[in-house]
Amino acid sequence: MRPIKGKAKDSKKAGAGKRSKKAALDPRAYAYEQRRLPLYRRIIPLAEAWIPRGFGWGLSVGFLGITILYGASIGGENQTTLEKASSVFGLKVEAVLISGQKEVSETDILRVLGINEDSSLLTFNAYDARKKLESMSWIEEATVQKLYPNKLQVVIREQKPFALWQRGEFVSVISYDGSVLTDHITPEFAKLPLVVGHGAQRQAASMFELLAQFPSIARKTRAVVYVSERRWDLYFKNGVQAKLPEVGVVDALDKLLAFDEKGALSRKDITTVDMRLADRTFVRMSKDAAAKRRATLRTLGADIPQEVET
């Protein structure tokens, strides 16, 4: 006898119900069924488990509002209005974290950044701010970063003071590349080497690199003077002057080193060592030393010309 179709269907449904209940009770069977589902159908239930109701709607409205504000700022709308409006979304600049500065004050940095109580992190242009900071004399490099929702981070790397540059009555602190850092000379800058003369600030680094090859001479040097923007004179701490040539400076420094090793640069009776000529060196003595020398020569019967006497 053939079974009734309706009953057969009912029996199949009953069997399926039993299997589904069994699968629900069996973790391995449930995991197998989950693996057979498409990836998106597995992820969506997990997301719905922790995302609060209305979260997507609020996120969409917030993003739309921020997009409109940003688009208006690009389109040239009133900046103050944008800043006030964006503060509603919690994007108002409430703190500026500054590090790395020593000679530049935080007040000057904030002034250049243009931060005020209505400044918005959304409309703040970090690139322009960095360029403005790097245009300051002391600042070599600046990094400006937005830290959402309400902070700015500014990292400063300052230029190092290299020397004092004197031209006439004016004295400035300069960097290694010769740029003027400040005209305000504080006691901490007093020990910097002194560079004198117009154009000396641009050539000072190369001159001191040469002197670094002759440490004993460098230690005795108080100032370097750029003469007619062509050559250098060295002034030592004991007052002795060494005139260097326009070319062949290293050879002249070698001769000066040999001169110093004999103790000549430490003598008080010498005022000038002229090394501008490659084949000879002239030494000028102090007036007292020259007078004593003339007296000694006369005692020995030397015939001293009148021009030497004077």
C-alpha atoms as a PDB file:
ATOM      1  CA  MET A   1       0.000   0.000   0.000  1.00  0.00           C
ATOM      2  CA  ARG A   2       1.366   3.413  -1.018  1.00  0.00           C
ATOM      3  CA  PRO A   3       1.716   5.924   1.695  1.00  0.00           C
ATOM      4  CA  ILE A   4      -0.350   9.122   1.634  1.00  0.00           C
ATOM      5  CA  LYS A   5       1.628  12.012   0.301  1.00  0.00           C
ATOM      6  CA  GLY A   6       0.498  14.342   3.021  1.00  0.00           C
ATOM      7  CA  LYS A   7       1.564  11.969   5.714  1.00  0.00           C
ATOM      8  CA  ALA A   8       4.856  11.417   3.973  1.00  0.00           C
ATOM      9  CA  LYS A   9       5.518  15.137   3.958  1.00  0.00           C
ATOM     10  CA  ASP A  10       4.577  15.429   7.585  1.00  0.00           C
ATOM     11  CA  SER A  11       6.879  12.602   8.446  1.00  0.00           C
ATOM     12  CA  LYS A  12       9.717  14.325   6.531  1.00  0.00           C
ATOM     13  CA  LYS A  13       9.104  17.592   8.382  1.00  0.00           C
ATOM     14  CA  ALA A  14       9.087  15.786  11.652  1.00  0.00           C
ATOM     15  CA  GLY A  15      12.369  14.124  10.768  1.00  0.00           C
ATOM     16  CA  ALA A  16      13.898  17.437   9.727  1.00  0.00           C
ATOM     17  CA  GLY A  17      12.710  19.006  12.971  1.00  0.00           C
ATOM     18  CA  LYS A  18      14.334  16.245  14.938  1.00  0.00           C
ATOM     19  CA  ARG A  19      17.582  16.682  12.977  1.00  0.00           C
ATOM     20  CA  SER A  20      17.589  20.468  13.471  1.00  0.00           C
ATOM     21  CA  LYS A  21      17.010  20.061  17.179  1.00  0.00           C
ATOM     22  CA  LYS A  22      19.769  17.503  17.302  1.00  0.00           C
ATOM     23  CA  ALA A  23      22.093  19.844  15.370  1.00  0.00           C
ATOM     24  CA  ALA A  24      21.230  22.664  17.757  1.00  0.00           C
ATOM     25  CA  LEU A  25      22.181  20.481  20.654  1.00  0.00           C
ATOM     26  CA  ASP A  26      25.373  19.240  18.977  1.00  0.00           C
ATOM     27  CA  PRO A  27      28.080  21.991  18.865  1.00  0.00           C
ATOM     28  CA  ARG A  28      30.053  20.195  16.189  1.00  0.00           C
ATOM     29  CA  ALA A  29      27.046  19.998  13.904  1.00  0.00           C
ATOM     30  CA  TYR A  30      26.225  23.679  14.537  1.00  0.00           C
ATOM     31  CA  ALA A  31      29.810  24.711  13.726  1.00  0.00           C
ATOM     32  CA  TYR A  32      29.647  22.697  10.533  1.00  0.00           C
ATOM     33  CA  GLU A  33      26.430  24.420   9.505  1.00  0.00           C
ATOM     34  CA  GLN A  34      27.999  27.827  10.247  1.00  0.00           C
ATOM     35  CA  ARG A  35      30.999  27.046   8.069  1.00  0.00           C
ATOM     36  CA  ARG A  36      28.646  26.366   5.185  1.00  0.00           C
ATOM     37  CA  LEU A  37      27.126  29.846   5.457  1.00  0.00           C
ATOM     38  CA  PRO A  38      28.561  32.748   3.356  1.00  0.00           C
ATOM     39  CA  LEU A  39      31.107  34.928   5.175  1.00  0.00           C
ATOM     40  CA  TYR A  40      28.886  38.030   5.371  1.00  0.00           C
ATOM     41  CA  ARG A  41      26.065  35.997   7.014  1.00  0.00           C
ATOM     42  CA  ARG A  42      28.492  34.839   9.696  1.00  0.00           C
ATOM     43  CA  ILE A  43      29.888  38.351  10.430  1.00  0.00           C
ATOM     44  CA  ILE A  44      26.617  40.286  10.569  1.00  0.00           C
ATOM     45  CA  PRO A  45      25.194  38.455  13.622  1.00  0.00           C
ATOM     46  CA  LEU A  46      28.456  39.053  15.493  1.00  0.00           C
ATOM     47  CA  ALA A  47      28.405  42.786  14.684  1.00  0.00           C
ATOM     48  CA  GLU A  48      24.766  43.077  15.738  1.00  0.00           C
ATOM     49  CA  ALA A  49      25.686  41.560  19.070  1.00  0.00           C
ATOM     50  CA  TRP A  50      27.839  44.540  20.217  1.00  0.00           C
ATOM     51  CA  ILE A  51      26.823  47.551  18.093  1.00  0.00           C
ATOM     52  CA  PRO A  52      24.181  49.560  20.008  1.00  0.00           C
ATOM     53  CA  ARG A  53      20.887  50.432  18.415  1.00  0.00           C
ATOM     54  CA  GLY A  54      21.046  53.678  16.402  1.00  0.00           C
ATOM     55  CA  PHE A  55      24.852  53.661  16.199  1.00  0.00           C
ATOM     56  CA  GLY A  56      24.957  53.555  12.413  1.00  0.00           C
ATOM     57  CA  TRP A  57      22.442  56.382  12.101  1.00  0.00           C
ATOM     58  CA  GLY A  58      24.407  58.611  14.472  1.00  0.00           C
ATOM     59  CA  LEU A  59      27.674  57.813  12.735  1.00  0.00           C
ATOM     60  CA  SER A  60      26.189  58.669   9.350  1.00  0.00           C
ATOM     61  CA  VAL A  61      24.816  62.000  10.564  1.00  0.00           C
ATOM     62  CA  GLY A  62      28.114  62.914  12.221  1.00  0.00           C
ATOM     63  CA  PHE A  63      30.155  62.016   9.172  1.00  0.00           C
ATOM     64  CA  LEU A  64      27.778  63.957   6.928  1.00  0.00           C
ATOM     65  CA  GLY A  65      28.049  67.022   9.148  1.00  0.00           C
ATOM     66  CA  ILE A  66      31.839  66.904   9.222  1.00  0.00           C
ATOM     67  CA  THR A  67      31.972  66.428   5.455  1.00  0.00           C
ATOM     68  CA  ILE A  68      29.751  69.464   4.927  1.00  0.00           C
ATOM     69  CA  LEU A  69      31.910  71.569   7.248  1.00  0.00           C
ATOM     70  CA  TYR A  70      35.115  70.501   5.564  1.00  0.00           C
ATOM     71  CA  GLY A  71      33.660  71.141   2.124  1.00  0.00           C
ATOM     72  CA  ALA A  72      32.586  74.591   3.217  1.00  0.00           C
ATOM     73  CA  SER A  73      36.084  75.344   4.473  1.00  0.00           C
ATOM     74  CA  ILE A  74      37.533  74.386   1.092  1.00  0.00           C
ATOM     75  CA  GLY A  75      34.920  76.507  -0.612  1.00  0.00           C
ATOM     76  CA  GLY A  76      36.034  79.584   1.350  1.00  0.00           C
ATOM     77  CA  GLU A  77      33.147  79.928   3.822  1.00  0.00           C
ATOM     78  CA  ASN A  78      33.565  81.947   7.004  1.00  0.00           C
ATOM     79  CA  GLN A  79      36.310  80.256   9.032  1.00  0.00           C
ATOM     80  CA  THR A  80      35.033  81.394  12.421  1.00  0.00           C
ATOM     81  CA  THR A  81      31.599  79.947  11.757  1.00  0.00           C
ATOM     82  CA  LEU A  82      33.125  76.635  10.736  1.00  0.00           C
ATOM     83  CA  GLU A  83      35.276  76.503  13.837  1.00  0.00           C
ATOM     84  CA  LYS A  84      32.329  77.151  16.124  1.00  0.00           C
ATOM     85  CA  ALA A  85      30.175  74.630  14.294  1.00  0.00           C
ATOM     86  CA  SER A  86      32.820  71.912  14.323  1.00  0.00           C
ATOM     87  CA  SER A  87      33.278  72.334  18.072  1.00  0.00           C
ATOM     88  CA  VAL A  88      29.791  70.846  18.422  1.00  0.00           C
ATOM     89  CA  PHE A  89      31.291  67.550  17.247  1.00  0.00           C
ATOM     90  CA  GLY A  90      34.033  67.725  19.900  1.00  0.00           C
ATOM     91  CA  LEU A  91      36.785  68.822  17.476  1.00  0.00           C
ATOM     92  CA  LYS A  92      37.800  72.015  19.266  1.00  0.00           C
ATOM     93  CA  VAL A  93      41.552  72.380  19.993  1.00  0.00           C
ATOM     94  CA  GLU A  94      41.783  72.090  23.759  1.00  0.00           C
ATOM     95  CA  ALA A  95      45.492  71.320  24.180  1.00  0.00           C
ATOM     96  CA  VAL A  96      48.752  71.881  22.293  1.00  0.00           C
ATOM     97  CA  LEU A  97      51.604  69.536  23.228  1.00  0.00           C
ATOM     98  CA  ILE A  98      54.945  71.247  22.471  1.00  0.00           C
ATOM     99  CA  SER A  99      58.366  69.606  22.842  1.00  0.00           C
ATOM    100  CA  GLY A 100      61.963  70.109  21.688  1.00  0.00           C
ATOM    101  CA  GLN A 101      62.117  73.890  22.008  1.00  0.00           C
ATOM    102  CA  LYS A 102      64.718  75.729  24.102  1.00  0.00           C
ATOM    103  CA  GLU A 103      65.423  79.147  22.638  1.00  0.00           C
ATOM    104  CA  VAL A 104      61.932  79.608  21.174  1.00  0.00           C
ATOM    105  CA  SER A 105      59.196  80.275  23.721  1.00  0.00           C
ATOM    106  CA  GLU A 106      55.898  78.414  23.756  1.00  0.00           C
ATOM    107  CA  THR A 107      54.150  81.784  23.496  1.00  0.00           C
ATOM    108  CA  ASP A 108      55.871  82.517  20.180  1.00  0.00           C
ATOM    109  CA  ILE A 109      55.012  79.058  18.877  1.00  0.00           C
ATOM    110  CA  LEU A 110      51.330  79.449  19.775  1.00  0.00           C
ATOM    111  CA  ARG A 111      51.304  82.909  18.205  1.00  0.00           C
ATOM    112  CA  VAL A 112      52.670  81.522  14.927  1.00  0.00           C
ATOM    113  CA  LEU A 113      50.187  78.637  15.018  1.00  0.00           C
ATOM    114  CA  GLY A 114      47.323  81.110  15.479  1.00  0.00           C
ATOM    115  CA  ILE A 115      45.576  78.962  18.091  1.00  0.00           C
ATOM    116  CA  ASN A 116      42.711  80.576  20.025  1.00  0.00           C
ATOM    117  CA  GLU A 117      39.748  79.420  22.104  1.00  0.00           C
ATOM    118  CA  ASP A 118      37.609  78.816  18.996  1.00  0.00           C
ATOM    119  CA  SER A 119      40.238  76.979  16.921  1.00  0.00           C
ATOM    120  CA  SER A 120      38.971  73.767  15.354  1.00  0.00           C
ATOM    121  CA  LEU A 121      41.088  70.697  14.780  1.00  0.00           C
ATOM    122  CA  LEU A 122      39.056  69.998  11.641  1.00  0.00           C
ATOM    123  CA  THR A 123      39.855  73.287   9.890  1.00  0.00           C
ATOM    124  CA  PHE A 124      43.422  73.599  11.218  1.00  0.00           C
ATOM    125  CA  ASN A 125      46.006  73.326   8.404  1.00  0.00           C
ATOM    126  CA  ALA A 126      48.963  71.355   9.793  1.00  0.00           C
ATOM    127  CA  TYR A 127      51.056  71.798   6.634  1.00  0.00           C
ATOM    128  CA  ASP A 128      50.820  75.593   6.677  1.00  0.00           C
ATOM    129  CA  ALA A 129      51.548  75.595  10.402  1.00  0.00           C
ATOM    130  CA  ARG A 130      54.725  73.576   9.881  1.00  0.00           C
ATOM    131  CA  LYS A 131      55.922  75.948   7.157  1.00  0.00           C
ATOM    132  CA  LYS A 132      55.300  78.966   9.377  1.00  0.00           C
ATOM    133  CA  LEU A 133      57.202  77.410  12.265  1.00  0.00           C
ATOM    134  CA  GLU A 134      60.166  76.508  10.054  1.00  0.00           C
ATOM    135  CA  SER A 135      60.353  80.115   8.874  1.00  0.00           C
ATOM    136  CA  MET A 136      61.331  81.139  12.419  1.00  0.00           C
ATOM    137  CA  SER A 137      65.073  81.763  12.725  1.00  0.00           C
ATOM    138  CA  TRP A 138      65.776  79.262  15.513  1.00  0.00           C
ATOM    139  CA  ILE A 139      63.673  76.389  14.143  1.00  0.00           C
ATOM    140  CA  GLU A 140      65.377  73.978  11.761  1.00  0.00           C
ATOM    141  CA  GLU A 141      62.545  71.448  11.525  1.00  0.00           C
ATOM    142  CA  ALA A 142      59.015  71.208  12.912  1.00  0.00           C
ATOM    143  CA  THR A 143      56.415  68.447  13.000  1.00  0.00           C
ATOM    144  CA  VAL A 144      52.737  69.292  13.500  1.00  0.00           C
ATOM    145  CA  GLN A 145      50.290  66.441  14.032  1.00  0.00           C
ATOM    146  CA  LYS A 146      46.571  66.383  14.781  1.00  0.00           C
ATOM    147  CA  LEU A 147      45.559  64.111  17.652  1.00  0.00           C
ATOM    148  CA  TYR A 148      41.817  63.664  17.373  1.00  0.00           C
ATOM    149  CA  PRO A 149      39.516  64.634  18.865  1.00  0.00           C
ATOM    150  CA  ASN A 150      40.972  67.755  20.523  1.00  0.00           C
ATOM    151  CA  LYS A 151      44.800  67.954  20.621  1.00  0.00           C
ATOM    152  CA  LEU A 152      47.729  69.196  18.556  1.00  0.00           C
ATOM    153  CA  GLN A 153      51.246  67.809  18.898  1.00  0.00           C
ATOM    154  CA  VAL A 154      54.179  70.040  17.903  1.00  0.00           C
ATOM    155  CA  VAL A 155      57.760  68.714  17.898  1.00  0.00           C
ATOM    156  CA  ILE A 156      60.553  71.258  17.381  1.00  0.00           C
ATOM    157  CA  ARG A 157      64.182  70.752  16.380  1.00  0.00           C
ATOM    158  CA  GLU A 158      66.181  73.926  16.848  1.00  0.00           C
ATOM    159  CA  GLN A 159      69.337  75.020  15.069  1.00  0.00           C
ATOM    160  CA  LYS A 160      72.514  74.946  17.132  1.00  0.00           C
ATOM    161  CA  PRO A 161      74.373  78.218  17.746  1.00  0.00           C
ATOM    162  CA  PHE A 162      77.716  78.028  15.957  1.00  0.00           C
ATOM    163  CA  ALA A 163      79.537  81.352  16.339  1.00  0.00           C
ATOM    164  CA  LEU A 164      79.248  85.066  17.045  1.00  0.00           C
ATOM    165  CA  TRP A 165      79.336  87.206  13.932  1.00  0.00           C
ATOM    166  CA  GLN A 166      80.549  90.790  14.277  1.00  0.00           C
ATOM    167  CA  ARG A 167      80.335  93.454  11.587  1.00  0.00           C
ATOM    168  CA  GLY A 168      81.023  96.906  12.897  1.00  0.00           C
ATOM    169  CA  GLU A 169      79.104  97.461  16.121  1.00  0.00           C
ATOM    170  CA  PHE A 170      76.571  94.717  15.430  1.00  0.00           C
ATOM    171  CA  VAL A 171      76.981  91.205  16.840  1.00  0.00           C
ATOM    172  CA  SER A 172      74.694  88.247  16.113  1.00  0.00           C
ATOM    173  CA  VAL A 173      74.538  84.551  16.915  1.00  0.00           C
ATOM    174  CA  ILE A 174      74.772  82.503  13.710  1.00  0.00           C
ATOM    175  CA  SER A 175      74.172  78.858  12.846  1.00  0.00           C
ATOM    176  CA  TYR A 176      76.525  76.516  11.005  1.00  0.00           C
ATOM    177  CA  ASP A 177      75.208  77.646   7.613  1.00  0.00           C
ATOM    178  CA  GLY A 178      75.663  81.311   8.521  1.00  0.00           C
ATOM    179  CA  SER A 179      72.025  82.255   9.078  1.00  0.00           C
ATOM    180  CA  VAL A 180      71.379  84.745  11.873  1.00  0.00           C
ATOM    181  CA  LEU A 181      69.612  83.167  14.848  1.00  0.00           C
ATOM    182  CA  THR A 182      69.364  86.159  17.159  1.00  0.00           C
ATOM    183  CA  ASP A 183      70.876  89.557  17.895  1.00  0.00           C
ATOM    184  CA  HIS A 184      70.265  89.118  21.616  1.00  0.00           C
ATOM    185  CA  ILE A 185      73.584  88.010  23.116  1.00  0.00           C
ATOM    186  CA  THR A 186      73.197  86.257  26.459  1.00  0.00           C
ATOM    187  CA  PRO A 187      76.059  85.009  28.685  1.00  0.00           C
ATOM    188  CA  GLU A 188      75.599  81.438  27.432  1.00  0.00           C
ATOM    189  CA  PHE A 189      76.745  82.552  23.964  1.00  0.00           C
ATOM    190  CA  ALA A 190      79.858  84.375  25.192  1.00  0.00           C
ATOM    191  CA  LYS A 191      82.095  81.322  24.731  1.00  0.00           C
ATOM    192  CA  LEU A 192      81.235  80.869  21.061  1.00  0.00           C
ATOM    193  CA  PRO A 193      84.066  81.585  18.575  1.00  0.00           C
ATOM    194  CA  LEU A 194      84.086  85.092  17.111  1.00  0.00           C
ATOM    195  CA  VAL A 195      83.843  85.706  13.368  1.00  0.00           C
ATOM    196  CA  VAL A 196      84.462  89.244  12.100  1.00  0.00           C
ATOM    197  CA  GLY A 197      83.798  90.916   8.759  1.00  0.00           C
ATOM    198  CA  HIS A 198      81.191  91.205   6.034  1.00  0.00           C
ATOM    199  CA  GLY A 199      80.605  87.861   4.345  1.00  0.00           C
ATOM    200  CA  ALA A 200      82.410  86.038   7.159  1.00  0.00           C
ATOM    201  CA  GLN A 201      79.215  84.301   8.310  1.00  0.00           C
ATOM    202  CA  ARG A 202      78.988  82.373   5.018  1.00  0.00           C
ATOM    203  CA  GLN A 203      82.627  81.191   5.073  1.00  0.00           C
ATOM    204  CA  ALA A 204      83.104  80.643   8.809  1.00  0.00           C
ATOM    205  CA  ALA A 205      82.213  76.937   8.794  1.00  0.00           C
ATOM    206  CA  SER A 206      84.827  76.062   6.148  1.00  0.00           C
ATOM    207  CA  MET A 207      87.483  78.063   8.007  1.00  0.00           C
ATOM    208  CA  PHE A 208      86.802  76.317  11.302  1.00  0.00           C
ATOM    209  CA  GLU A 209      86.864  72.952   9.535  1.00  0.00           C
ATOM    210  CA  LEU A 210      90.425  73.767   8.439  1.00  0.00           C
ATOM    211  CA  LEU A 211      91.380  74.873  11.944  1.00  0.00           C
ATOM    212  CA  ALA A 212      90.023  71.598  13.324  1.00  0.00           C
ATOM    213  CA  GLN A 213      92.914  69.863  11.538  1.00  0.00           C
ATOM    214  CA  PHE A 214      95.309  71.890  13.718  1.00  0.00           C
ATOM    215  CA  PRO A 215      93.948  71.493  17.266  1.00  0.00           C
ATOM    216  CA  SER A 216      96.792  73.330  19.033  1.00  0.00           C
ATOM    217  CA  ILE A 217      96.281  76.406  16.848  1.00  0.00           C
ATOM    218  CA  ALA A 218      92.494  76.189  17.149  1.00  0.00           C
ATOM    219  CA  ARG A 219      92.722  76.183  20.956  1.00  0.00           C
ATOM    220  CA  LYS A 220      94.772  79.392  20.876  1.00  0.00           C
ATOM    221  CA  THR A 221      92.469  81.171  18.425  1.00  0.00           C
ATOM    222  CA  ARG A 222      90.165  83.837  19.857  1.00  0.00           C
ATOM    223  CA  ALA A 223      88.741  85.240  16.606  1.00  0.00           C
ATOM    224  CA  VAL A 224      88.941  84.880  12.837  1.00  0.00           C
ATOM    225  CA  VAL A 225      88.662  88.002  10.672  1.00  0.00           C
ATOM    226  CA  TYR A 226      87.583  87.905   7.031  1.00  0.00           C
ATOM    227  CA  VAL A 227      89.674  90.526   5.224  1.00  0.00           C
ATOM    228  CA  SER A 228      88.153  92.112   2.092  1.00  0.00           C
ATOM    229  CA  GLU A 229      86.085  88.927   1.685  1.00  0.00           C
ATOM    230  CA  ARG A 230      89.193  87.204   0.293  1.00  0.00           C
ATOM    231  CA  ARG A 231      91.375  85.817   3.077  1.00  0.00           C
ATOM    232  CA  TRP A 232      91.560  85.274   6.851  1.00  0.00           C
ATOM    233  CA  ASP A 233      93.501  86.695   9.778  1.00  0.00           C
ATOM    234  CA  LEU A 234      93.727  84.725  13.014  1.00  0.00           C
ATOM    235  CA  TYR A 235      93.798  86.496  16.374  1.00  0.00           C
ATOM    236  CA  PHE A 236      95.139  84.418  19.236  1.00  0.00           C
ATOM    237  CA  LYS A 237      94.171  84.727  22.887  1.00  0.00           C
ATOM    238  CA  ASN A 238      97.552  86.265  23.777  1.00  0.00           C
ATOM    239  CA  GLY A 239      97.086  89.034  21.202  1.00  0.00           C
ATOM    240  CA  VAL A 240      99.286  87.650  18.394  1.00  0.00           C
ATOM    241  CA  GLN A 241      97.939  88.088  14.859  1.00  0.00           C
ATOM    242  CA  ALA A 242      98.569  85.594  12.033  1.00  0.00           C
ATOM    243  CA  LYS A 243      97.889  86.764   8.478  1.00  0.00           C
ATOM    244  CA  LEU A 244      96.952  83.858   6.223  1.00  0.00           C
ATOM    245  CA  PRO A 245      97.199  83.900   2.403  1.00  0.00           C
ATOM    246  CA  GLU A 246      94.253  83.911   0.028  1.00  0.00           C
ATOM    247  CA  VAL A 247      95.314  80.523  -1.401  1.00  0.00           C
ATOM    248  CA  GLY A 248      97.405  77.773   0.159  1.00  0.00           C
ATOM    249  CA  VAL A 249      95.846  78.152   3.605  1.00  0.00           C
ATOM    250  CA  VAL A 250      96.665  74.588   4.683  1.00  0.00           C
ATOM    251  CA  ASP A 251     100.362  75.026   3.836  1.00  0.00           C
ATOM    252  CA  ALA A 252     100.409  78.285   5.777  1.00  0.00           C
ATOM    253  CA  LEU A 253      98.821  76.588   8.788  1.00  0.00           C
ATOM    254  CA  ASP A 254     101.473  73.850   8.590  1.00  0.00           C
ATOM    255  CA  LYS A 255     104.180  76.530   8.813  1.00  0.00           C
ATOM    256  CA  LEU A 256     102.332  78.247  11.626  1.00  0.00           C
ATOM    257  CA  LEU A 257     102.139  74.948  13.507  1.00  0.00           C
ATOM    258  CA  ALA A 258     105.903  74.479  13.193  1.00  0.00           C
ATOM    259  CA  PHE A 259     106.325  78.051  14.366  1.00  0.00           C
ATOM    260  CA  ASP A 260     104.110  77.336  17.363  1.00  0.00           C
ATOM    261  CA  GLU A 261     105.950  74.123  18.269  1.00  0.00           C
ATOM    262  CA  LYS A 262     109.056  76.247  18.807  1.00  0.00           C
ATOM    263  CA  GLY A 263     107.097  78.377  21.261  1.00  0.00           C
ATOM    264  CA  ALA A 264     107.103  81.440  19.033  1.00  0.00           C
ATOM    265  CA  LEU A 265     103.361  82.062  19.233  1.00  0.00           C
ATOM    266  CA  SER A 266     103.553  82.136  23.023  1.00  0.00           C
ATOM    267  CA  ARG A 267     106.234  84.810  23.140  1.00  0.00           C
ATOM    268  CA  LYS A 268     105.123  88.231  24.326  1.00  0.00           C
ATOM    269  CA  ASP A 269     107.543  90.100  22.071  1.00  0.00           C
ATOM    270  CA  ILE A 270     105.789  89.028  18.830  1.00  0.00           C
ATOM    271  CA  THR A 271     102.678  90.841  17.590  1.00  0.00           C
ATOM    272  CA  THR A 272     102.231  89.629  13.994  1.00  0.00           C
ATOM    273  CA  VAL A 273     103.177  86.630  11.882  1.00  0.00           C
ATOM    274  CA  ASP A 274     102.655  87.485   8.223  1.00  0.00           C
ATOM    275  CA  MET A 275     102.334  84.390   6.004  1.00  0.00           C
ATOM    276  CA  ARG A 276     100.689  85.944   2.961  1.00  0.00           C
ATOM    277  CA  LEU A 277     103.704  85.133   0.777  1.00  0.00           C
ATOM    278  CA  ALA A 278     104.335  81.468   0.098  1.00  0.00           C
ATOM    279  CA  ASP A 279     108.147  81.657   0.071  1.00  0.00           C
ATOM    280  CA  ARG A 280     108.761  83.751   3.201  1.00  0.00           C
ATOM    281  CA  THR A 281     107.353  84.645   6.606  1.00  0.00           C
ATOM    282  CA  PHE A 282     107.535  88.072   8.237  1.00  0.00           C
ATOM    283  CA  VAL A 283     107.461  88.540  11.987  1.00  0.00           C
ATOM    284  CA  ARG A 284     106.651  91.863  13.614  1.00  0.00           C
ATOM    285  CA  MET A 285     107.776  92.482  17.172  1.00  0.00           C
ATOM    286  CA  SER A 286     106.221  94.671  19.828  1.00  0.00           C
ATOM    287  CA  LYS A 287     107.591  98.194  20.310  1.00  0.00           C
ATOM    288  CA  ASP A 288     109.368  97.315  23.530  1.00  0.00           C
ATOM    289  CA  ALA A 289     110.864  94.157  22.065  1.00  0.00           C
ATOM    290  CA  ALA A 290     111.945  96.027  18.934  1.00  0.00           C
ATOM    291  CA  ALA A 291     113.623  98.761  21.020  1.00  0.00           C
ATOM    292  CA  LYS A 292     115.535  96.181  23.044  1.00  0.00           C
ATOM    293  CA  ARG A 293     116.605  94.424  19.887  1.00  0.00           C
ATOM    294  CA  ARG A 294     117.864  97.663  18.347  1.00  0.00           C
ATOM    295  CA  ALA A 295     119.808  98.439  21.503  1.00  0.00           C
ATOM    296  CA  THR A 296     121.406  95.017  21.413  1.00  0.00           C
ATOM    297  CA  LEU A 297     122.342  95.438  17.758  1.00  0.00           C
ATOM    298  CA  ARG A 298     123.880  98.854  18.416  1.00  0.00           C
ATOM    299  CA  THR A 299     125.896  97.368  21.259  1.00  0.00           C
ATOM    300  CA  LEU A 300     127.219  94.824  18.813  1.00  0.00           C
ATOM    301  CA  GLY A 301     128.157  97.643  16.437  1.00  0.00           C
ATOM    302  CA  ALA A 302     125.426  97.076  13.891  1.00  0.00           C
ATOM    303  CA  ASP A 303     124.498  99.962  11.612  1.00  0.00           C
ATOM    304  CA  ILE A 304     120.731 100.378  12.002  1.00  0.00           C
ATOM    305  CA  PRO A 305     118.962 102.423   9.263  1.00  0.00           C
ATOM    306  CA  GLN A 306     116.949 105.437  10.337  1.00  0.00           C
ATOM    307  CA  GLU A 307     113.639 103.980   9.148  1.00  0.00           C
ATOM    308  CA  VAL A 308     114.188 101.024  11.453  1.00  0.00           C
ATOM    309  CA  GLU A 309     114.853 103.346  14.380  1.00  0.00           C
ATOM    310  CA  THR A 310     111.501 104.993  13.911  1.00  0.00           C
END
